[in-house]
Amino acid sequence: RVRQEGWWREAGLSLSDVARRLATNESYV
C-alpha cells in the first residue's frame, strides 16, 4: 500500500504518518 500510494516519495515521512493513513496503530505498523 505504501509503495502503490507513493508515500515513500515524501521526504520526512514518519511511522505515525503511515499508521494514520492506514487507519491503524503505530505499534502494529
All heavy atoms as atom14 arrays in JSON, in Angstrom:
{
  "sequence": "RVRQEGWWREAGLSLSDVARRLATNESYV",
  "atom14_mask": [
    [1, 1, 1, 1, 1, 1, 1, 1, 1, 1, 1, 0, 0, 0],
    [1, 1, 1, 1, 1, 1, 1, 0, 0, 0, 0, 0, 0, 0],
    [1, 1, 1, 1, 1, 1, 1, 1, 1, 1, 1, 0, 0, 0],
    [1, 1, 1, 1, 1, 1, 1, 1, 1, 0, 0, 0, 0, 0],
    [1, 1, 1, 1, 1, 1, 1, 1, 1, 0, 0, 0, 0, 0],
    [1, 1, 1, 1, 0, 0, 0, 0, 0, 0, 0, 0, 0, 0],
    [1, 1, 1, 1, 1, 1, 1, 1, 1, 1, 1, 1, 1, 1],
    [1, 1, 1, 1, 1, 1, 1, 1, 1, 1, 1, 1, 1, 1],
    [1, 1, 1, 1, 1, 1, 1, 1, 1, 1, 1, 0, 0, 0],
    [1, 1, 1, 1, 1, 1, 1, 1, 1, 0, 0, 0, 0, 0],
    [1, 1, 1, 1, 1, 0, 0, 0, 0, 0, 0, 0, 0, 0],
    [1, 1, 1, 1, 0, 0, 0, 0, 0, 0, 0, 0, 0, 0],
    [1, 1, 1, 1, 1, 1, 1, 1, 0, 0, 0, 0, 0, 0],
    [1, 1, 1, 1, 1, 1, 0, 0, 0, 0, 0, 0, 0, 0],
    [1, 1, 1, 1, 1, 1, 1, 1, 0, 0, 0, 0, 0, 0],
    [1, 1, 1, 1, 1, 1, 0, 0, 0, 0, 0, 0, 0, 0],
    [1, 1, 1, 1, 1, 1, 1, 1, 0, 0, 0, 0, 0, 0],
    [1, 1, 1, 1, 1, 1, 1, 0, 0, 0, 0, 0, 0, 0],
    [1, 1, 1, 1, 1, 0, 0, 0, 0, 0, 0, 0, 0, 0],
    [1, 1, 1, 1, 1, 1, 1, 1, 1, 1, 1, 0, 0, 0],
    [1, 1, 1, 1, 1, 1, 1, 1, 1, 1, 1, 0, 0, 0],
    [1, 1, 1, 1, 1, 1, 1, 1, 0, 0, 0, 0, 0, 0],
    [1, 1, 1, 1, 1, 0, 0, 0, 0, 0, 0, 0, 0, 0],
    [1, 1, 1, 1, 1, 1, 1, 0, 0, 0, 0, 0, 0, 0],
    [1, 1, 1, 1, 1, 1, 1, 1, 0, 0, 0, 0, 0, 0],
    [1, 1, 1, 1, 1, 1, 1, 1, 1, 0, 0, 0, 0, 0],
    [1, 1, 1, 1, 1, 1, 0, 0, 0, 0, 0, 0, 0, 0],
    [1, 1, 1, 1, 1, 1, 1, 1, 1, 1, 1, 1, 0, 0],
    [1, 1, 1, 1, 1, 1, 1, 0, 0, 0, 0, 0, 0, 0]
  ],
  "atom14_positions": [
    [[0.84, -1.2, 0.0], [0.0, 0.0, 0.0], [0.88, 1.26, 0.0], [0.61, 2.22, -0.74], [-0.89, -0.02, 1.24], [-1.73, 1.24, 1.44], [-2.99, 1.23, 0.62], [-3.72, 2.49, 0.79], [-4.49, 2.79, 1.84], [-4.65, 1.89, 2.82], [-5.11, 3.95, 1.89], [0.0, 0.0, 0.0], [0.0, 0.0, 0.0], [0.0, 0.0, 0.0]],
    [[1.91, 1.25, 0.81], [2.84, 2.39, 0.85], [3.48, 2.6, -0.52], [3.62, 3.73, -0.99], [3.93, 2.16, 1.92], [5.01, 3.23, 1.82], [3.32, 2.16, 3.32], [0.0, 0.0, 0.0], [0.0, 0.0, 0.0], [0.0, 0.0, 0.0], [0.0, 0.0, 0.0], [0.0, 0.0, 0.0], [0.0, 0.0, 0.0], [0.0, 0.0, 0.0]],
    [[3.86, 1.48, -1.17], [4.5, 1.58, -2.49], [3.54, 2.12, -3.53], [3.87, 3.04, -4.3], [5.02, 0.21, -2.92], [5.87, 0.25, -4.19], [6.21, -1.15, -4.66], [5.02, -1.84, -5.11], [4.43, -1.65, -6.29], [4.92, -0.76, -7.15], [3.33, -2.32, -6.61], [0.0, 0.0, 0.0], [0.0, 0.0, 0.0], [0.0, 0.0, 0.0]],
    [[2.34, 1.56, -3.57], [1.38, 1.97, -4.6], [0.92, 3.42, -4.42], [0.75, 4.15, -5.41], [0.16, 1.04, -4.56], [0.44, -0.37, -5.05], [-0.8, -1.24, -5.01], [-1.84, -0.85, -4.46], [-0.71, -2.43, -5.59], [0.0, 0.0, 0.0], [0.0, 0.0, 0.0], [0.0, 0.0, 0.0], [0.0, 0.0, 0.0], [0.0, 0.0, 0.0]],
    [[0.75, 3.84, -3.2], [0.3, 5.21, -2.94], [1.42, 6.23, -3.15], [1.16, 7.43, -3.25], [-0.24, 5.33, -1.51], [-1.46, 4.49, -1.21], [-2.71, 5.03, -1.88], [-2.67, 6.18, -2.37], [-3.72, 4.31, -1.94], [0.0, 0.0, 0.0], [0.0, 0.0, 0.0], [0.0, 0.0, 0.0], [0.0, 0.0, 0.0], [0.0, 0.0, 0.0]],
    [[2.64, 5.75, -3.2], [3.77, 6.65, -3.42], [4.12, 7.49, -2.19], [4.81, 8.51, -2.31], [0.0, 0.0, 0.0], [0.0, 0.0, 0.0], [0.0, 0.0, 0.0], [0.0, 0.0, 0.0], [0.0, 0.0, 0.0], [0.0, 0.0, 0.0], [0.0, 0.0, 0.0], [0.0, 0.0, 0.0], [0.0, 0.0, 0.0], [0.0, 0.0, 0.0]],
    [[3.72, 7.03, -0.99], [4.04, 7.8, 0.22], [5.54, 7.88, 0.46], [6.02, 8.85, 1.04], [3.36, 7.16, 1.43], [1.86, 7.15, 1.35], [1.07, 7.99, 0.6], [0.97, 6.25, 2.02], [-0.25, 7.68, 0.76], [-0.35, 6.61, 1.64], [1.13, 5.18, 2.89], [-1.48, 5.94, 2.11], [0.01, 4.51, 3.37], [-1.27, 4.89, 2.98]],
    [[6.25, 6.89, -0.02], [7.71, 6.84, 0.2], [8.43, 8.0, -0.48], [9.58, 8.29, -0.16], [8.26, 5.5, -0.29], [7.81, 5.12, -1.67], [6.7, 4.42, -2.01], [8.45, 5.46, -2.91], [6.59, 4.29, -3.38], [7.67, 4.91, -3.95], [9.6, 6.16, -3.24], [8.0, 5.04, -5.29], [9.96, 6.3, -4.57], [9.16, 5.74, -5.58]],
    [[7.77, 8.67, -1.42], [8.41, 9.81, -2.09], [8.44, 11.07, -1.21], [9.09, 12.04, -1.56], [7.67, 10.14, -3.39], [7.81, 9.09, -4.49], [7.31, 9.63, -5.82], [7.49, 8.68, -6.89], [6.59, 7.77, -7.25], [5.43, 7.72, -6.61], [6.83, 6.92, -8.23], [0.0, 0.0, 0.0], [0.0, 0.0, 0.0], [0.0, 0.0, 0.0]],
    [[7.74, 11.05, -0.1], [7.67, 12.22, 0.78], [8.87, 12.27, 1.71], [9.07, 11.36, 2.52], [6.38, 12.17, 1.61], [5.11, 12.13, 0.78], [3.89, 11.93, 1.65], [3.98, 12.21, 2.87], [2.85, 11.49, 1.12], [0.0, 0.0, 0.0], [0.0, 0.0, 0.0], [0.0, 0.0, 0.0], [0.0, 0.0, 0.0], [0.0, 0.0, 0.0]],
    [[9.67, 13.3, 1.58], [10.81, 13.47, 2.49], [10.28, 13.68, 3.9], [9.32, 14.42, 4.12], [11.65, 14.66, 2.06], [0.0, 0.0, 0.0], [0.0, 0.0, 0.0], [0.0, 0.0, 0.0], [0.0, 0.0, 0.0], [0.0, 0.0, 0.0], [0.0, 0.0, 0.0], [0.0, 0.0, 0.0], [0.0, 0.0, 0.0], [0.0, 0.0, 0.0]],
    [[10.89, 13.02, 4.86], [10.48, 13.18, 6.24], [9.29, 12.33, 6.63], [8.7, 12.54, 7.71], [0.0, 0.0, 0.0], [0.0, 0.0, 0.0], [0.0, 0.0, 0.0], [0.0, 0.0, 0.0], [0.0, 0.0, 0.0], [0.0, 0.0, 0.0], [0.0, 0.0, 0.0], [0.0, 0.0, 0.0], [0.0, 0.0, 0.0], [0.0, 0.0, 0.0]],
    [[8.89, 11.39, 5.78], [7.78, 10.5, 6.12], [8.07, 9.78, 7.43], [9.16, 9.27, 7.64], [7.58, 9.48, 4.99], [6.4, 8.52, 5.15], [5.08, 9.25, 4.96], [6.54, 7.36, 4.16], [0.0, 0.0, 0.0], [0.0, 0.0, 0.0], [0.0, 0.0, 0.0], [0.0, 0.0, 0.0], [0.0, 0.0, 0.0], [0.0, 0.0, 0.0]],
    [[7.08, 9.74, 8.32], [7.27, 9.12, 9.63], [6.36, 7.92, 9.81], [5.37, 7.74, 9.07], [7.03, 10.13, 10.74], [5.65, 10.49, 10.79], [0.0, 0.0, 0.0], [0.0, 0.0, 0.0], [0.0, 0.0, 0.0], [0.0, 0.0, 0.0], [0.0, 0.0, 0.0], [0.0, 0.0, 0.0], [0.0, 0.0, 0.0], [0.0, 0.0, 0.0]],
    [[6.67, 7.12, 10.8], [5.84, 5.96, 11.12], [4.42, 6.39, 11.5], [3.44, 5.75, 11.1], [6.47, 5.18, 12.28], [5.75, 3.92, 12.73], [5.88, 2.83, 11.69], [6.3, 3.43, 14.07], [0.0, 0.0, 0.0], [0.0, 0.0, 0.0], [0.0, 0.0, 0.0], [0.0, 0.0, 0.0], [0.0, 0.0, 0.0], [0.0, 0.0, 0.0]],
    [[4.31, 7.49, 12.23], [2.98, 7.97, 12.62], [2.16, 8.4, 11.4], [0.94, 8.2, 11.36], [3.1, 9.12, 13.62], [3.79, 10.21, 13.04], [0.0, 0.0, 0.0], [0.0, 0.0, 0.0], [0.0, 0.0, 0.0], [0.0, 0.0, 0.0], [0.0, 0.0, 0.0], [0.0, 0.0, 0.0], [0.0, 0.0, 0.0], [0.0, 0.0, 0.0]],
    [[2.84, 8.98, 10.39], [2.14, 9.36, 9.15], [1.53, 8.13, 8.49], [0.36, 8.13, 8.08], [3.1, 10.03, 8.16], [3.62, 11.37, 8.67], [2.9, 12.02, 9.44], [4.74, 11.75, 8.26], [0.0, 0.0, 0.0], [0.0, 0.0, 0.0], [0.0, 0.0, 0.0], [0.0, 0.0, 0.0], [0.0, 0.0, 0.0], [0.0, 0.0, 0.0]],
    [[2.33, 7.08, 8.37], [1.87, 5.86, 7.7], [0.76, 5.19, 8.51], [-0.25, 4.74, 7.95], [3.05, 4.9, 7.48], [2.56, 3.54, 6.98], [4.04, 5.49, 6.49], [0.0, 0.0, 0.0], [0.0, 0.0, 0.0], [0.0, 0.0, 0.0], [0.0, 0.0, 0.0], [0.0, 0.0, 0.0], [0.0, 0.0, 0.0], [0.0, 0.0, 0.0]],
    [[0.93, 5.12, 9.83], [-0.1, 4.49, 10.67], [-1.42, 5.23, 10.55], [-2.49, 4.6, 10.47], [0.38, 4.47, 12.12], [0.0, 0.0, 0.0], [0.0, 0.0, 0.0], [0.0, 0.0, 0.0], [0.0, 0.0, 0.0], [0.0, 0.0, 0.0], [0.0, 0.0, 0.0], [0.0, 0.0, 0.0], [0.0, 0.0, 0.0], [0.0, 0.0, 0.0]],
    [[-1.38, 6.54, 10.52], [-2.61, 7.32, 10.41], [-3.3, 7.06, 9.06], [-4.52, 6.92, 9.0], [-2.28, 8.81, 10.55], [-3.51, 9.7, 10.58], [-3.16, 11.16, 10.8], [-2.37, 11.72, 9.72], [-1.05, 11.95, 9.79], [-0.39, 11.66, 10.88], [-0.4, 12.46, 8.75], [0.0, 0.0, 0.0], [0.0, 0.0, 0.0], [0.0, 0.0, 0.0]],
    [[-2.53, 6.98, 7.99], [-3.12, 6.76, 6.67], [-3.65, 5.34, 6.52], [-4.58, 5.09, 5.73], [-2.09, 7.06, 5.59], [-1.68, 8.53, 5.55], [-0.53, 8.79, 4.63], [-0.04, 10.15, 4.78], [0.99, 10.67, 4.08], [1.59, 9.92, 3.16], [1.38, 11.91, 4.29], [0.0, 0.0, 0.0], [0.0, 0.0, 0.0], [0.0, 0.0, 0.0]],
    [[-3.03, 4.41, 7.25], [-3.51, 3.02, 7.21], [-4.64, 2.8, 8.21], [-5.17, 1.68, 8.3], [-2.37, 2.06, 7.51], [-1.25, 1.96, 6.46], [-0.11, 1.1, 6.98], [-1.8, 1.4, 5.15], [0.0, 0.0, 0.0], [0.0, 0.0, 0.0], [0.0, 0.0, 0.0], [0.0, 0.0, 0.0], [0.0, 0.0, 0.0], [0.0, 0.0, 0.0]],
    [[-4.97, 3.86, 8.98], [-6.04, 3.78, 9.99], [-5.75, 2.7, 11.01], [-6.62, 1.89, 11.36], [-7.39, 3.55, 9.32], [0.0, 0.0, 0.0], [0.0, 0.0, 0.0], [0.0, 0.0, 0.0], [0.0, 0.0, 0.0], [0.0, 0.0, 0.0], [0.0, 0.0, 0.0], [0.0, 0.0, 0.0], [0.0, 0.0, 0.0], [0.0, 0.0, 0.0]],
    [[-4.52, 2.69, 11.48], [-4.13, 1.69, 12.48], [-3.19, 2.32, 13.49], [-2.99, 3.54, 13.51], [-3.48, 0.46, 11.8], [-3.25, -0.56, 12.79], [-2.15, 0.83, 11.15], [0.0, 0.0, 0.0], [0.0, 0.0, 0.0], [0.0, 0.0, 0.0], [0.0, 0.0, 0.0], [0.0, 0.0, 0.0], [0.0, 0.0, 0.0], [0.0, 0.0, 0.0]],
    [[-2.6, 1.49, 14.34], [-1.73, 1.94, 15.42], [-0.27, 1.86, 15.0], [0.12, 0.96, 14.25], [-1.98, 1.04, 16.65], [-1.25, 1.5, 17.88], [-0.05, 1.26, 18.02], [-1.96, 2.18, 18.75], [0.0, 0.0, 0.0], [0.0, 0.0, 0.0], [0.0, 0.0, 0.0], [0.0, 0.0, 0.0], [0.0, 0.0, 0.0], [0.0, 0.0, 0.0]],
    [[0.55, 2.82, 15.49], [1.98, 2.8, 15.18], [2.64, 1.49, 15.58], [3.51, 0.97, 14.88], [2.7, 3.96, 15.88], [2.31, 5.33, 15.38], [2.96, 6.43, 16.18], [4.09, 6.21, 16.67], [2.35, 7.5, 16.35], [0.0, 0.0, 0.0], [0.0, 0.0, 0.0], [0.0, 0.0, 0.0], [0.0, 0.0, 0.0], [0.0, 0.0, 0.0]],
    [[2.23, 0.96, 16.72], [2.82, -0.29, 17.2], [2.55, -1.43, 16.24], [3.41, -2.3, 16.01], [2.27, -0.64, 18.59], [2.62, 0.34, 19.53], [0.0, 0.0, 0.0], [0.0, 0.0, 0.0], [0.0, 0.0, 0.0], [0.0, 0.0, 0.0], [0.0, 0.0, 0.0], [0.0, 0.0, 0.0], [0.0, 0.0, 0.0], [0.0, 0.0, 0.0]],
    [[1.34, -1.45, 15.63], [1.02, -2.5, 14.68], [1.86, -2.39, 13.41], [2.34, -3.39, 12.87], [-0.47, -2.46, 14.32], [-1.4, -2.9, 15.43], [-2.77, -2.67, 15.34], [-0.9, -3.55, 16.56], [-3.62, -3.08, 16.35], [-1.74, -3.95, 17.57], [-3.11, -3.71, 17.47], [-3.95, -4.11, 18.47], [0.0, 0.0, 0.0], [0.0, 0.0, 0.0]],
    [[2.0, -1.17, 12.92], [2.81, -0.98, 11.71], [4.26, -1.4, 11.98], [4.88, -2.09, 11.16], [2.75, 0.49, 11.24], [3.62, 0.66, 9.98], [1.33, 0.91, 10.94], [0.0, 0.0, 0.0], [0.0, 0.0, 0.0], [0.0, 0.0, 0.0], [0.0, 0.0, 0.0], [0.0, 0.0, 0.0], [0.0, 0.0, 0.0], [0.0, 0.0, 0.0]]
  ]
}
